Amino acid sequence: MVADGDRLSLFIALEAVDDPRDPRGRRYPLVSILAAAVCAVIAGASTFAAVCDWVRFQDQIVWQRLGFTGRGYPPRRRCDGC
């Protein structure tokens, strides 16, 4: 089980990553997207599609703990070929 302190350490480390996206196009915090990807890979996801599936199948509590708030849902894969 991951304790709150462990989760916060991951978020602190990921916040050091510069966000190259245009501010006008940002819908979700980069730290949340990166944290979701890290968690998915730890859970066994090995492709972009598997990471997307892992995120999609989590419940809203997990999404909130990852930092996806306000819109209700995290980002979804936008192409069928990914």
PDB file of N, CA and C in Angstrom:
ATOM      1  N   MET A   1       0.841  -1.179   0.000  1.00  0.00           N
ATOM      2  CA  MET A   1       0.000   0.000   0.000  1.00  0.00           C
ATOM      3  C   MET A   1       0.892   1.250   0.000  1.00  0.00           C
ATOM      4  N   VAL A   2       0.492   2.228  -0.743  1.00  0.00           N
ATOM      5  CA  VAL A   2       1.251   3.474  -0.844  1.00  0.00           C
ATOM      6  C   VAL A   2       0.711   4.462   0.179  1.00  0.00           C
ATOM      7  N   ALA A   3       1.596   4.970   1.006  1.00  0.00           N
ATOM      8  CA  ALA A   3       1.208   5.951   2.016  1.00  0.00           C
ATOM      9  C   ALA A   3       1.171   7.342   1.396  1.00  0.00           C
ATOM     10  N   ASP A   4       0.474   8.262   2.063  1.00  0.00           N
ATOM     11  CA  ASP A   4       0.389   9.630   1.554  1.00  0.00           C
ATOM     12  C   ASP A   4       1.764  10.254   1.367  1.00  0.00           C
ATOM     13  N   GLY A   5       2.691   9.972   2.276  1.00  0.00           N
ATOM     14  CA  GLY A   5       4.037  10.522   2.157  1.00  0.00           C
ATOM     15  C   GLY A   5       4.740  10.044   0.905  1.00  0.00           C
ATOM     16  N   ASP A   6       4.545   8.772   0.549  1.00  0.00           N
ATOM     17  CA  ASP A   6       5.140   8.232  -0.675  1.00  0.00           C
ATOM     18  C   ASP A   6       4.550   8.906  -1.907  1.00  0.00           C
ATOM     19  N   ARG A   7       3.241   9.090  -1.893  1.00  0.00           N
ATOM     20  CA  ARG A   7       2.573   9.734  -3.019  1.00  0.00           C
ATOM     21  C   ARG A   7       3.079  11.155  -3.179  1.00  0.00           C
ATOM     22  N   LEU A   8       3.211  11.856  -2.087  1.00  0.00           N
ATOM     23  CA  LEU A   8       3.688  13.233  -2.156  1.00  0.00           C
ATOM     24  C   LEU A   8       5.115  13.298  -2.660  1.00  0.00           C
ATOM     25  N   SER A   9       5.958  12.332  -2.297  1.00  0.00           N
ATOM     26  CA  SER A   9       7.337  12.319  -2.787  1.00  0.00           C
ATOM     27  C   SER A   9       7.367  12.170  -4.303  1.00  0.00           C
ATOM     28  N   LEU A  10       6.505  11.315  -4.848  1.00  0.00           N
ATOM     29  CA  LEU A  10       6.436  11.153  -6.294  1.00  0.00           C
ATOM     30  C   LEU A  10       6.002  12.460  -6.942  1.00  0.00           C
ATOM     31  N   PHE A  11       5.000  13.095  -6.388  1.00  0.00           N
ATOM     32  CA  PHE A  11       4.511  14.353  -6.954  1.00  0.00           C
ATOM     33  C   PHE A  11       5.592  15.430  -6.894  1.00  0.00           C
ATOM     34  N   ILE A  12       6.333  15.491  -5.820  1.00  0.00           N
ATOM     35  CA  ILE A  12       7.405  16.486  -5.696  1.00  0.00           C
ATOM     36  C   ILE A  12       8.464  16.253  -6.764  1.00  0.00           C
ATOM     37  N   ALA A  13       8.834  15.000  -6.983  1.00  0.00           N
ATOM     38  CA  ALA A  13       9.838  14.687  -8.002  1.00  0.00           C
ATOM     39  C   ALA A  13       9.316  15.030  -9.398  1.00  0.00           C
ATOM     40  N   LEU A  14       8.066  14.717  -9.669  1.00  0.00           N
ATOM     41  CA  LEU A  14       7.510  14.974 -10.997  1.00  0.00           C
ATOM     42  C   LEU A  14       7.265  16.455 -11.254  1.00  0.00           C
ATOM     43  N   GLU A  15       7.059  17.234 -10.209  1.00  0.00           N
ATOM     44  CA  GLU A  15       6.868  18.680 -10.386  1.00  0.00           C
ATOM     45  C   GLU A  15       8.126  19.369 -10.885  1.00  0.00           C
ATOM     46  N   ALA A  16       9.270  18.701 -10.786  1.00  0.00           N
ATOM     47  CA  ALA A  16      10.523  19.284 -11.269  1.00  0.00           C
ATOM     48  C   ALA A  16      10.626  19.226 -12.794  1.00  0.00           C
ATOM     49  N   VAL A  17       9.739  18.465 -13.437  1.00  0.00           N
ATOM     50  CA  VAL A  17       9.754  18.345 -14.896  1.00  0.00           C
ATOM     51  C   VAL A  17       9.113  19.596 -15.501  1.00  0.00           C
ATOM     52  N   ASP A  18       9.850  20.238 -16.412  1.00  0.00           N
ATOM     53  CA  ASP A  18       9.313  21.423 -17.088  1.00  0.00           C
ATOM     54  C   ASP A  18       8.181  21.018 -18.028  1.00  0.00           C
ATOM     55  N   ASP A  19       7.141  21.826 -18.059  1.00  0.00           N
ATOM     56  CA  ASP A  19       5.980  21.560 -18.901  1.00  0.00           C
ATOM     57  C   ASP A  19       6.165  22.304 -20.223  1.00  0.00           C
ATOM     58  N   PRO A  20       6.405  21.575 -21.322  1.00  0.00           N
ATOM     59  CA  PRO A  20       6.650  22.236 -22.606  1.00  0.00           C
ATOM     60  C   PRO A  20       5.371  22.663 -23.333  1.00  0.00           C
ATOM     61  N   ARG A  21       4.209  22.328 -22.781  1.00  0.00           N
ATOM     62  CA  ARG A  21       2.951  22.621 -23.475  1.00  0.00           C
ATOM     63  C   ARG A  21       2.622  24.110 -23.425  1.00  0.00           C
ATOM     64  N   ASP A  22       1.916  24.566 -24.444  1.00  0.00           N
ATOM     65  CA  ASP A  22       1.420  25.937 -24.474  1.00  0.00           C
ATOM     66  C   ASP A  22       0.395  26.091 -23.352  1.00  0.00           C
ATOM     67  N   PRO A  23       0.494  27.120 -22.530  1.00  0.00           N
ATOM     68  CA  PRO A  23      -0.445  27.294 -21.417  1.00  0.00           C
ATOM     69  C   PRO A  23      -1.913  27.321 -21.850  1.00  0.00           C
ATOM     70  N   ARG A  24      -2.178  27.781 -23.057  1.00  0.00           N
ATOM     71  CA  ARG A  24      -3.572  27.850 -23.521  1.00  0.00           C
ATOM     72  C   ARG A  24      -4.157  26.476 -23.801  1.00  0.00           C
ATOM     73  N   GLY A  25      -3.313  25.470 -24.006  1.00  0.00           N
ATOM     74  CA  GLY A  25      -3.810  24.145 -24.325  1.00  0.00           C
ATOM     75  C   GLY A  25      -3.807  23.171 -23.163  1.00  0.00           C
ATOM     76  N   ARG A  26      -3.446  23.635 -21.994  1.00  0.00           N
ATOM     77  CA  ARG A  26      -3.341  22.754 -20.838  1.00  0.00           C
ATOM     78  C   ARG A  26      -4.694  22.514 -20.194  1.00  0.00           C
ATOM     79  N   ARG A  27      -5.107  21.267 -20.173  1.00  0.00           N
ATOM     80  CA  ARG A  27      -6.364  20.912 -19.510  1.00  0.00           C
ATOM     81  C   ARG A  27      -6.113  20.226 -18.184  1.00  0.00           C
ATOM     82  N   TYR A  28      -4.986  19.539 -18.096  1.00  0.00           N
ATOM     83  CA  TYR A  28      -4.652  18.776 -16.897  1.00  0.00           C
ATOM     84  C   TYR A  28      -3.226  19.091 -16.491  1.00  0.00           C
ATOM     85  N   PRO A  29      -2.953  19.050 -15.190  1.00  0.00           N
ATOM     86  CA  PRO A  29      -1.574  19.307 -14.746  1.00  0.00           C
ATOM     87  C   PRO A  29      -0.628  18.218 -15.259  1.00  0.00           C
ATOM     88  N   LEU A  30       0.538  18.629 -15.721  1.00  0.00           N
ATOM     89  CA  LEU A  30       1.529  17.672 -16.209  1.00  0.00           C
ATOM     90  C   LEU A  30       1.887  16.669 -15.125  1.00  0.00           C
ATOM     91  N   VAL A  31       1.994  17.123 -13.890  1.00  0.00           N
ATOM     92  CA  VAL A  31       2.361  16.211 -12.804  1.00  0.00           C
ATOM     93  C   VAL A  31       1.326  15.094 -12.666  1.00  0.00           C
ATOM     94  N   SER A  32       0.072  15.368 -12.897  1.00  0.00           N
ATOM     95  CA  SER A  32      -0.967  14.339 -12.818  1.00  0.00           C
ATOM     96  C   SER A  32      -0.835  13.337 -13.959  1.00  0.00           C
ATOM     97  N   ILE A  33      -0.559  13.826 -15.143  1.00  0.00           N
ATOM     98  CA  ILE A  33      -0.393  12.939 -16.299  1.00  0.00           C
ATOM     99  C   ILE A  33       0.827  12.040 -16.096  1.00  0.00           C
ATOM    100  N   LEU A  34       1.926  12.620 -15.634  1.00  0.00           N
ATOM    101  CA  LEU A  34       3.131  11.824 -15.403  1.00  0.00           C
ATOM    102  C   LEU A  34       2.932  10.822 -14.275  1.00  0.00           C
ATOM    103  N   ALA A  35       2.258  11.230 -13.198  1.00  0.00           N
ATOM    104  CA  ALA A  35       2.008  10.318 -12.075  1.00  0.00           C
ATOM    105  C   ALA A  35       1.137   9.151 -12.524  1.00  0.00           C
ATOM    106  N   ALA A  36       0.136   9.414 -13.347  1.00  0.00           N
ATOM    107  CA  ALA A  36      -0.716   8.346 -13.861  1.00  0.00           C
ATOM    108  C   ALA A  36       0.103   7.373 -14.701  1.00  0.00           C
ATOM    109  N   ALA A  37       0.993   7.902 -15.523  1.00  0.00           N
ATOM    110  CA  ALA A  37       1.833   7.039 -16.354  1.00  0.00           C
ATOM    111  C   ALA A  37       2.761   6.183 -15.498  1.00  0.00           C
ATOM    112  N   VAL A  38       3.353   6.777 -14.478  1.00  0.00           N
ATOM    113  CA  VAL A  38       4.236   6.029 -13.580  1.00  0.00           C
ATOM    114  C   VAL A  38       3.466   4.906 -12.893  1.00  0.00           C
ATOM    115  N   CYS A  39       2.295   5.216 -12.369  1.00  0.00           N
ATOM    116  CA  CYS A  39       1.483   4.204 -11.678  1.00  0.00           C
ATOM    117  C   CYS A  39       1.077   3.083 -12.625  1.00  0.00           C
ATOM    118  N   ALA A  40       0.707   3.435 -13.840  1.00  0.00           N
ATOM    119  CA  ALA A  40       0.311   2.426 -14.815  1.00  0.00           C
ATOM    120  C   ALA A  40       1.469   1.498 -15.158  1.00  0.00           C
ATOM    121  N   VAL A  41       2.657   2.057 -15.331  1.00  0.00           N
ATOM    122  CA  VAL A  41       3.828   1.236 -15.647  1.00  0.00           C
ATOM    123  C   VAL A  41       4.170   0.331 -14.467  1.00  0.00           C
ATOM    124  N   ILE A  42       4.099   0.851 -13.263  1.00  0.00           N
ATOM    125  CA  ILE A  42       4.342   0.019 -12.079  1.00  0.00           C
ATOM    126  C   ILE A  42       3.334  -1.128 -12.023  1.00  0.00           C
ATOM    127  N   ALA A  43       2.107  -0.852 -12.474  1.00  0.00           N
ATOM    128  CA  ALA A  43       1.052  -1.871 -12.470  1.00  0.00           C
ATOM    129  C   ALA A  43       1.189  -2.857 -13.631  1.00  0.00           C
ATOM    130  N   GLY A  44       2.151  -2.643 -14.517  1.00  0.00           N
ATOM    131  CA  GLY A  44       2.402  -3.597 -15.588  1.00  0.00           C
ATOM    132  C   GLY A  44       2.156  -3.104 -16.994  1.00  0.00           C
ATOM    133  N   ALA A  45       1.698  -1.885 -17.168  1.00  0.00           N
ATOM    134  CA  ALA A  45       1.474  -1.349 -18.513  1.00  0.00           C
ATOM    135  C   ALA A  45       2.813  -1.171 -19.221  1.00  0.00           C
ATOM    136  N   SER A  46       2.873  -1.627 -20.472  1.00  0.00           N
ATOM    137  CA  SER A  46       4.142  -1.519 -21.201  1.00  0.00           C
ATOM    138  C   SER A  46       4.003  -0.797 -22.536  1.00  0.00           C
ATOM    139  N   THR A  47       2.800  -0.318 -22.841  1.00  0.00           N
ATOM    140  CA  THR A  47       2.591   0.457 -24.067  1.00  0.00           C
ATOM    141  C   THR A  47       1.748   1.681 -23.725  1.00  0.00           C
ATOM    142  N   PHE A  48       1.731   2.640 -24.655  1.00  0.00           N
ATOM    143  CA  PHE A  48       0.918   3.827 -24.449  1.00  0.00           C
ATOM    144  C   PHE A  48      -0.549   3.449 -24.298  1.00  0.00           C
ATOM    145  N   ALA A  49      -1.008   2.519 -25.136  1.00  0.00           N
ATOM    146  CA  ALA A  49      -2.411   2.083 -25.066  1.00  0.00           C
ATOM    147  C   ALA A  49      -2.716   1.437 -23.717  1.00  0.00           C
ATOM    148  N   ALA A  50      -1.780   0.656 -23.191  1.00  0.00           N
ATOM    149  CA  ALA A  50      -1.985   0.015 -21.884  1.00  0.00           C
ATOM    150  C   ALA A  50      -2.027   1.048 -20.764  1.00  0.00           C
ATOM    151  N   VAL A  51      -1.212   2.086 -20.866  1.00  0.00           N
ATOM    152  CA  VAL A  51      -1.255   3.174 -19.874  1.00  0.00           C
ATOM    153  C   VAL A  51      -2.622   3.845 -19.933  1.00  0.00           C
ATOM    154  N   CYS A  52      -3.095   4.137 -21.127  1.00  0.00           N
ATOM    155  CA  CYS A  52      -4.421   4.761 -21.286  1.00  0.00           C
ATOM    156  C   CYS A  52      -5.517   3.878 -20.710  1.00  0.00           C
ATOM    157  N   ASP A  53      -5.447   2.598 -20.975  1.00  0.00           N
ATOM    158  CA  ASP A  53      -6.446   1.679 -20.441  1.00  0.00           C
ATOM    159  C   ASP A  53      -6.406   1.636 -18.922  1.00  0.00           C
ATOM    160  N   TRP A  54      -5.202   1.617 -18.354  1.00  0.00           N
ATOM    161  CA  TRP A  54      -5.080   1.595 -16.893  1.00  0.00           C
ATOM    162  C   TRP A  54      -5.753   2.814 -16.290  1.00  0.00           C
ATOM    163  N   VAL A  55      -5.490   3.973 -16.853  1.00  0.00           N
ATOM    164  CA  VAL A  55      -6.087   5.210 -16.337  1.00  0.00           C
ATOM    165  C   VAL A  55      -7.600   5.166 -16.489  1.00  0.00           C
ATOM    166  N   ARG A  56      -8.065   4.732 -17.639  1.00  0.00           N
ATOM    167  CA  ARG A  56      -9.505   4.716 -17.914  1.00  0.00           C
ATOM    168  C   ARG A  56     -10.261   3.810 -16.952  1.00  0.00           C
ATOM    169  N   PHE A  57      -9.648   2.702 -16.540  1.00  0.00           N
ATOM    170  CA  PHE A  57     -10.340   1.736 -15.691  1.00  0.00           C
ATOM    171  C   PHE A  57     -10.237   2.031 -14.199  1.00  0.00           C
ATOM    172  N   GLN A  58      -9.594   3.118 -13.824  1.00  0.00           N
ATOM    173  CA  GLN A  58      -9.532   3.494 -12.407  1.00  0.00           C
ATOM    174  C   GLN A  58     -10.812   4.224 -12.028  1.00  0.00           C
ATOM    175  N   ASP A  59     -11.126   4.193 -10.743  1.00  0.00           N
ATOM    176  CA  ASP A  59     -12.325   4.909 -10.303  1.00  0.00           C
ATOM    177  C   ASP A  59     -11.988   6.368 -10.010  1.00  0.00           C
ATOM    178  N   GLN A  60     -13.011   7.132  -9.740  1.00  0.00           N
ATOM    179  CA  GLN A  60     -12.847   8.572  -9.561  1.00  0.00           C
ATOM    180  C   GLN A  60     -11.966   8.915  -8.357  1.00  0.00           C
ATOM    181  N   ILE A  61     -11.935   8.074  -7.351  1.00  0.00           N
ATOM    182  CA  ILE A  61     -11.073   8.316  -6.185  1.00  0.00           C
ATOM    183  C   ILE A  61      -9.606   8.286  -6.599  1.00  0.00           C
ATOM    184  N   VAL A  62      -9.235   7.305  -7.418  1.00  0.00           N
ATOM    185  CA  VAL A  62      -7.847   7.228  -7.904  1.00  0.00           C
ATOM    186  C   VAL A  62      -7.536   8.446  -8.754  1.00  0.00           C
ATOM    187  N   TRP A  63      -8.461   8.821  -9.650  1.00  0.00           N
ATOM    188  CA  TRP A  63      -8.232  10.002 -10.484  1.00  0.00           C
ATOM    189  C   TRP A  63      -7.997  11.238  -9.630  1.00  0.00           C
ATOM    190  N   GLN A  64      -8.783  11.396  -8.565  1.00  0.00           N
ATOM    191  CA  GLN A  64      -8.613  12.559  -7.687  1.00  0.00           C
ATOM    192  C   GLN A  64      -7.277  12.519  -6.974  1.00  0.00           C
ATOM    193  N   ARG A  65      -6.855  11.350  -6.518  1.00  0.00           N
ATOM    194  CA  ARG A  65      -5.564  11.236  -5.840  1.00  0.00           C
ATOM    195  C   ARG A  65      -4.405  11.533  -6.783  1.00  0.00           C
ATOM    196  N   LEU A  66      -4.614  11.283  -8.068  1.00  0.00           N
ATOM    197  CA  LEU A  66      -3.594  11.613  -9.064  1.00  0.00           C
ATOM    198  C   LEU A  66      -3.616  13.095  -9.434  1.00  0.00           C
ATOM    199  N   GLY A  67      -4.644  13.800  -9.024  1.00  0.00           N
ATOM    200  CA  GLY A  67      -4.712  15.237  -9.287  1.00  0.00           C
ATOM    201  C   GLY A  67      -5.658  15.646 -10.389  1.00  0.00           C
ATOM    202  N   PHE A  68      -6.438  14.706 -10.920  1.00  0.00           N
ATOM    203  CA  PHE A  68      -7.419  15.034 -11.950  1.00  0.00           C
ATOM    204  C   PHE A  68      -8.701  15.470 -11.251  1.00  0.00           C
ATOM    205  N   THR A  69      -8.854  16.755 -11.080  1.00  0.00           N
ATOM    206  CA  THR A  69     -10.032  17.280 -10.396  1.00  0.00           C
ATOM    207  C   THR A  69     -10.683  18.349 -11.250  1.00  0.00           C
ATOM    208  N   GLY A  70     -11.924  18.661 -10.942  1.00  0.00           N
ATOM    209  CA  GLY A  70     -12.607  19.750 -11.627  1.00  0.00           C
ATOM    210  C   GLY A  70     -13.358  19.309 -12.866  1.00  0.00           C
ATOM    211  N   ARG A  71     -12.761  18.482 -13.694  1.00  0.00           N
ATOM    212  CA  ARG A  71     -13.418  18.039 -14.925  1.00  0.00           C
ATOM    213  C   ARG A  71     -14.069  16.669 -14.746  1.00  0.00           C
ATOM    214  N   GLY A  72     -13.747  15.982 -13.687  1.00  0.00           N
ATOM    215  CA  GLY A  72     -14.364  14.707 -13.411  1.00  0.00           C
ATOM    216  C   GLY A  72     -13.698  13.499 -14.037  1.00  0.00           C
ATOM    217  N   TYR A  73     -13.018  13.670 -15.161  1.00  0.00           N
ATOM    218  CA  TYR A  73     -12.399  12.535 -15.829  1.00  0.00           C
ATOM    219  C   TYR A  73     -10.994  12.906 -16.281  1.00  0.00           C
ATOM    220  N   PRO A  74     -10.100  11.937 -16.272  1.00  0.00           N
ATOM    221  CA  PRO A  74      -8.741  12.207 -16.768  1.00  0.00           C
ATOM    222  C   PRO A  74      -8.726  12.206 -18.289  1.00  0.00           C
ATOM    223  N   PRO A  75      -7.601  12.564 -18.879  1.00  0.00           N
ATOM    224  CA  PRO A  75      -7.514  12.548 -20.339  1.00  0.00           C
ATOM    225  C   PRO A  75      -7.701  11.138 -20.880  1.00  0.00           C
ATOM    226  N   ARG A  76      -8.205  11.065 -22.088  1.00  0.00           N
ATOM    227  CA  ARG A  76      -8.422   9.769 -22.730  1.00  0.00           C
ATOM    228  C   ARG A  76      -7.604   9.708 -24.019  1.00  0.00           C
ATOM    229  N   ARG A  77      -7.338   8.495 -24.424  1.00  0.00           N
ATOM    230  CA  ARG A  77      -6.620   8.281 -25.669  1.00  0.00           C
ATOM    231  C   ARG A  77      -7.472   8.841 -26.799  1.00  0.00           C
ATOM    232  N   ARG A  78      -6.875   9.567 -27.703  1.00  0.00           N
ATOM    233  CA  ARG A  78      -7.633  10.246 -28.747  1.00  0.00           C
ATOM    234  C   ARG A  78      -7.549   9.565 -30.105  1.00  0.00           C
ATOM    235  N   CYS A  79      -6.803   8.475 -30.203  1.00  0.00           N
ATOM    236  CA  CYS A  79      -6.720   7.816 -31.504  1.00  0.00           C
ATOM    237  C   CYS A  79      -6.851   6.307 -31.322  1.00  0.00           C
ATOM    238  N   ASP A  80      -7.388   5.645 -32.315  1.00  0.00           N
ATOM    239  CA  ASP A  80      -7.559   4.194 -32.240  1.00  0.00           C
ATOM    240  C   ASP A  80      -6.257   3.450 -32.492  1.00  0.00           C
ATOM    241  N   GLY A  81      -5.316   4.091 -33.174  1.00  0.00           N
ATOM    242  CA  GLY A  81      -4.078   3.409 -33.525  1.00  0.00           C
ATOM    243  C   GLY A  81      -2.993   3.504 -32.477  1.00  0.00           C
ATOM    244  N   CYS A  82      -3.247   4.144 -31.351  1.00  0.00           N
ATOM    245  CA  CYS A  82      -2.210   4.316 -30.324  1.00  0.00           C
ATOM    246  C   CYS A  82      -1.981   3.036 -29.551  1.00  0.00           C
TER     247      CYS A  82
END
